[in-house]
Amino acid sequence: MKTSRYAIIVAGGSGKRFGSELPKQFLPLDGKAVLMRTIEKFDEAGATIVVVLPIEHQEMWMTMCKENNFAVTHTIADGGKTRFESVKNGIAAIESLADGDLVAVHDGVRPLASVELINRCYDNAQETGSAIPVVNPSDSIRQVIDDGTSRQLLRSSLRAVQTPQTFRAELLKGAYDVEESPLFTDDASVVESAGHQVTLVEGEVTNIKITTPIDMIIASELIKESELSYSPQPPLS
């Protein structure tokens, strides 16, 4: 039986922290909306795509797609009050989701995840049940204690977590069939709370999350560098 690939792209940002009236997932990044770039990567990886958007942003998004001739097929699901609710709505929006299928959950404002990373997550999830991309932190880390003091943490034992966090469908569906908890910080924590161990895979330092204006500048430079480094071979004569 063929395994189907799905992607739930969560795009619920308001733009307030970014300092923009336009939600950051809709901001232009080198001539194309951030969310459009994100969707295109999963389309290249062969995924059926569900985009989770707040109801108040959906008309704006559909207008943007029409005006920009953005034709990548995707389903729109209603965003919830929290990320947990949004992912749950995204799961429910996938028709005919079968055990053994693979579901990637990704931040809509991570437009630079490579197709190679996406494929790596799907492949590892198929083998082990889950795939959580991580990178080594570059900064020293300290933990603040309740009494106001702090202590150093061993950086070599820590990992910074990214998306797409990818799972076999039966694990993700079962894990999300619970009441929300404040302990749920991402999809991995939801799945772990259901008693499943998660598998870490190598992420990408370029897989940044657009959170502040400086992130847009960095993302733009990374796109330019990627385009410059790509030199297609001339056709055979």
Protein backbone atom coordinates (compact mmCIF):
# COMPACT_ATOMS: atom_id res chain seq x y z
CA MET A 1 0.00 0.00 0.00
CA LYS A 2 1.37 3.40 -0.97
CA THR A 3 2.23 5.75 1.89
CA SER A 4 0.77 9.23 1.48
CA ARG A 5 2.59 12.37 2.55
CA TYR A 6 0.71 15.24 4.16
CA ALA A 7 1.84 18.62 5.45
CA ILE A 8 0.03 20.79 7.97
CA ILE A 9 1.42 24.30 7.63
CA VAL A 10 0.45 26.44 10.61
CA ALA A 11 0.29 30.14 9.71
CA GLY A 12 -1.41 31.96 12.55
CA GLY A 13 0.93 34.91 13.14
CA SER A 14 -0.59 38.37 13.51
CA GLY A 15 2.46 40.49 12.73
CA LYS A 16 2.27 42.42 16.04
CA ARG A 17 5.64 41.21 17.34
CA PHE A 18 7.08 41.86 13.91
CA GLY A 19 5.79 45.44 13.99
CA SER A 20 3.77 45.04 10.80
CA GLU A 21 0.07 45.50 10.07
CA LEU A 22 0.33 42.66 7.57
CA PRO A 23 0.71 39.19 9.13
CA LYS A 24 4.34 38.14 8.70
CA GLN A 25 3.45 35.00 6.74
CA PHE A 26 2.02 37.30 4.04
CA LEU A 27 4.98 39.66 3.87
CA PRO A 28 6.93 39.66 0.59
CA LEU A 29 10.27 37.87 0.71
CA ASP A 30 12.26 38.57 -2.43
CA GLY A 31 9.10 39.13 -4.43
CA LYS A 32 7.01 36.27 -3.05
CA ALA A 33 4.99 35.93 0.15
CA VAL A 34 6.73 34.01 2.93
CA LEU A 35 3.86 31.49 3.12
CA MET A 36 3.94 30.88 -0.63
CA ARG A 37 7.63 29.99 -0.44
CA THR A 38 6.90 27.60 2.42
CA ILE A 39 4.06 25.87 0.57
CA GLU A 40 6.15 25.45 -2.59
CA LYS A 41 8.80 23.46 -0.70
CA PHE A 42 6.28 20.88 0.48
CA ASP A 43 4.71 20.72 -2.95
CA GLU A 44 8.15 19.87 -4.35
CA ALA A 45 8.39 17.09 -1.75
CA GLY A 46 5.13 15.58 -3.01
CA ALA A 47 2.95 16.39 0.00
CA THR A 48 -0.77 17.03 0.12
CA ILE A 49 -0.94 20.39 1.87
CA VAL A 50 -3.27 21.81 4.52
CA VAL A 51 -2.70 25.46 5.47
CA VAL A 52 -4.13 26.46 8.85
CA LEU A 53 -5.10 30.13 8.87
CA PRO A 54 -7.14 32.31 11.23
CA ILE A 55 -10.60 32.83 9.80
CA GLU A 56 -10.02 36.59 9.59
CA HIS A 57 -6.96 36.05 7.35
CA GLN A 58 -8.45 33.57 4.90
CA GLU A 59 -10.08 36.02 2.50
CA MET A 60 -6.87 38.06 2.38
CA TRP A 61 -4.89 34.92 1.57
CA MET A 62 -7.22 33.79 -1.20
CA THR A 63 -7.04 37.28 -2.74
CA MET A 64 -3.23 37.18 -2.60
CA CYS A 65 -3.16 33.78 -4.29
CA LYS A 66 -5.42 35.03 -7.09
CA GLU A 67 -3.50 38.26 -7.62
CA ASN A 68 -0.17 36.42 -7.72
CA ASN A 69 -1.38 33.46 -9.82
CA PHE A 70 -0.34 31.14 -7.00
CA ALA A 71 -1.68 27.81 -8.16
CA VAL A 72 -0.19 25.25 -5.75
CA THR A 73 -3.12 23.11 -4.58
CA HIS A 74 -3.82 23.30 -0.85
CA THR A 75 -6.72 23.04 1.60
CA ILE A 76 -7.43 25.78 4.12
CA ALA A 77 -8.35 24.86 7.69
CA ASP A 78 -9.48 27.24 10.43
CA GLY A 79 -6.89 28.31 12.94
CA GLY A 80 -7.61 27.81 16.63
CA LYS A 81 -6.98 29.98 19.67
CA THR A 82 -3.70 28.12 20.27
CA ARG A 83 -1.20 26.25 18.14
CA PHE A 84 -2.46 22.98 19.65
CA GLU A 85 -6.00 23.74 18.45
CA SER A 86 -4.70 24.79 15.03
CA VAL A 87 -2.77 21.56 14.51
CA LYS A 88 -5.78 19.57 15.71
CA ASN A 89 -7.94 21.37 13.12
CA GLY A 90 -5.33 20.66 10.47
CA ILE A 91 -5.40 16.94 11.25
CA ALA A 92 -9.19 16.91 11.06
CA ALA A 93 -9.06 18.61 7.65
CA ILE A 94 -7.13 15.72 6.09
CA GLU A 95 -9.60 13.41 4.41
CA SER A 96 -8.90 9.68 4.32
CA LEU A 97 -5.89 9.89 6.63
CA ALA A 98 -4.78 6.30 7.12
CA ASP A 99 -2.48 4.57 9.57
CA GLY A 100 1.01 4.52 8.13
CA ASP A 101 0.56 7.81 6.27
CA LEU A 102 3.05 10.52 7.15
CA VAL A 103 2.16 13.96 8.47
CA ALA A 104 4.61 16.86 8.72
CA VAL A 105 3.69 19.84 10.88
CA HIS A 106 5.56 22.98 9.86
CA ASP A 107 5.70 26.65 10.77
CA GLY A 108 4.34 28.77 7.94
CA VAL A 109 7.11 31.29 8.61
CA ARG A 110 9.95 28.84 8.03
CA PRO A 111 10.22 29.30 4.24
CA LEU A 112 13.81 28.09 3.85
CA ALA A 113 13.48 24.44 4.89
CA SER A 114 15.07 22.55 2.02
CA VAL A 115 13.32 19.78 0.13
CA GLU A 116 16.19 17.55 1.27
CA LEU A 117 15.34 18.26 4.91
CA ILE A 118 11.64 17.67 4.31
CA ASN A 119 12.36 14.36 2.59
CA ARG A 120 14.72 13.37 5.41
CA CYS A 121 11.99 13.97 7.95
CA TYR A 122 9.42 11.96 5.98
CA ASP A 123 11.87 9.07 5.45
CA ASN A 124 12.88 8.92 9.12
CA ALA A 125 9.27 9.15 10.31
CA GLN A 126 8.33 6.27 8.06
CA GLU A 127 11.11 4.18 9.59
CA THR A 128 10.86 5.13 13.28
CA GLY A 129 7.46 6.81 13.65
CA SER A 130 8.73 10.35 14.13
CA ALA A 131 11.36 12.82 12.99
CA ILE A 132 12.18 16.04 14.87
CA PRO A 133 14.80 18.23 13.13
CA VAL A 134 17.32 19.82 15.51
CA VAL A 135 20.54 21.81 15.36
CA ASN A 136 23.31 22.44 17.87
CA PRO A 137 22.91 25.78 19.67
CA SER A 138 25.68 28.22 18.79
CA ASP A 139 25.34 30.35 21.95
CA SER A 140 26.10 29.40 25.52
CA ILE A 141 22.93 28.61 27.46
CA ARG A 142 22.06 29.43 31.06
CA GLN A 143 19.06 28.29 33.07
CA VAL A 144 17.40 30.86 35.33
CA ILE A 145 16.44 29.41 38.72
CA ASP A 146 13.33 30.43 40.70
CA ASP A 147 15.44 32.33 43.25
CA GLY A 148 16.82 34.58 40.50
CA THR A 149 20.21 32.91 40.20
CA SER A 150 21.31 31.05 37.09
CA ARG A 151 23.47 28.13 36.10
CA GLN A 152 25.29 27.10 32.98
CA LEU A 153 23.95 24.22 30.91
CA LEU A 154 26.21 21.94 28.91
CA ARG A 155 25.72 23.18 25.35
CA SER A 156 26.91 19.93 23.78
CA SER A 157 23.96 18.08 25.35
CA LEU A 158 21.33 20.58 24.09
CA ARG A 159 19.58 20.92 20.75
CA ALA A 160 17.47 23.69 19.23
CA VAL A 161 14.25 22.28 17.80
CA GLN A 162 12.88 23.13 14.34
CA THR A 163 10.06 22.03 12.07
CA PRO A 164 8.82 20.13 10.08
CA GLN A 165 8.11 17.75 12.94
CA THR A 166 6.94 14.64 11.16
CA PHE A 167 5.05 11.58 12.36
CA ARG A 168 3.22 8.49 11.28
CA ALA A 169 -0.44 9.45 11.16
CA GLU A 170 -1.66 7.07 13.85
CA LEU A 171 0.83 8.48 16.40
CA LEU A 172 -0.07 12.10 15.71
CA LYS A 173 -3.85 11.54 15.62
CA GLY A 174 -3.82 9.57 18.85
CA ALA A 175 -1.58 12.06 20.62
CA TYR A 176 -3.80 15.01 19.71
CA ASP A 177 -6.96 13.26 20.89
CA VAL A 178 -6.55 14.77 24.36
CA GLU A 179 -7.22 18.00 26.22
CA GLU A 180 -4.60 20.69 25.74
CA SER A 181 -1.91 21.05 28.41
CA PRO A 182 0.42 23.99 29.14
CA LEU A 183 3.25 21.46 28.88
CA PHE A 184 2.63 21.17 25.12
CA THR A 185 5.23 23.44 23.53
CA ASP A 186 5.37 21.71 20.16
CA ASP A 187 4.17 18.56 18.40
CA ALA A 188 7.01 16.48 19.81
CA SER A 189 5.91 17.28 23.37
CA VAL A 190 2.32 16.28 22.51
CA VAL A 191 3.45 12.95 21.07
CA GLU A 192 5.82 12.31 23.98
CA SER A 193 2.99 12.94 26.46
CA ALA A 194 1.12 10.09 24.79
CA GLY A 195 3.97 7.73 25.70
CA HIS A 196 5.90 7.72 22.44
CA GLN A 197 9.61 8.40 22.18
CA VAL A 198 10.57 10.82 19.40
CA THR A 199 13.52 10.55 17.04
CA LEU A 200 15.85 13.49 16.43
CA VAL A 201 17.23 14.10 12.94
CA GLU A 202 19.71 16.62 11.62
CA GLY A 203 18.12 20.00 10.88
CA GLU A 204 19.51 22.98 9.00
CA VAL A 205 20.93 26.21 10.42
CA THR A 206 19.39 28.00 7.43
CA ASN A 207 15.91 26.76 8.39
CA ILE A 208 15.20 29.97 10.29
CA LYS A 209 11.85 31.11 11.64
CA ILE A 210 10.78 34.59 10.54
CA THR A 211 10.08 36.36 13.83
CA THR A 212 11.68 39.82 13.58
CA PRO A 213 12.60 42.19 10.71
CA ILE A 214 16.24 41.08 10.93
CA ASP A 215 15.11 37.54 10.10
CA MET A 216 13.67 38.82 6.81
CA ILE A 217 17.01 40.38 5.93
CA ILE A 218 18.84 37.15 6.73
CA ALA A 219 16.31 35.05 4.79
CA SER A 220 16.62 37.33 1.76
CA GLU A 221 20.41 36.99 1.77
CA LEU A 222 20.16 33.20 2.11
CA ILE A 223 17.80 33.06 -0.88
CA LYS A 224 20.17 35.19 -2.98
CA GLU A 225 23.12 33.02 -1.97
CA SER A 226 21.18 29.86 -2.85
CA GLU A 227 20.25 31.25 -6.26
CA LEU A 228 23.85 32.26 -6.95
CA SER A 229 25.19 28.85 -5.94
CA TYR A 230 22.75 27.09 -8.28
CA SER A 231 24.30 26.84 -11.71
CA PRO A 232 22.30 24.58 -14.03
CA GLN A 233 24.31 22.51 -16.48
CA PRO A 234 24.09 23.59 -20.13
CA PRO A 235 22.05 21.28 -22.36
CA LEU A 236 23.95 18.55 -24.13
CA SER A 237 24.73 19.46 -27.72
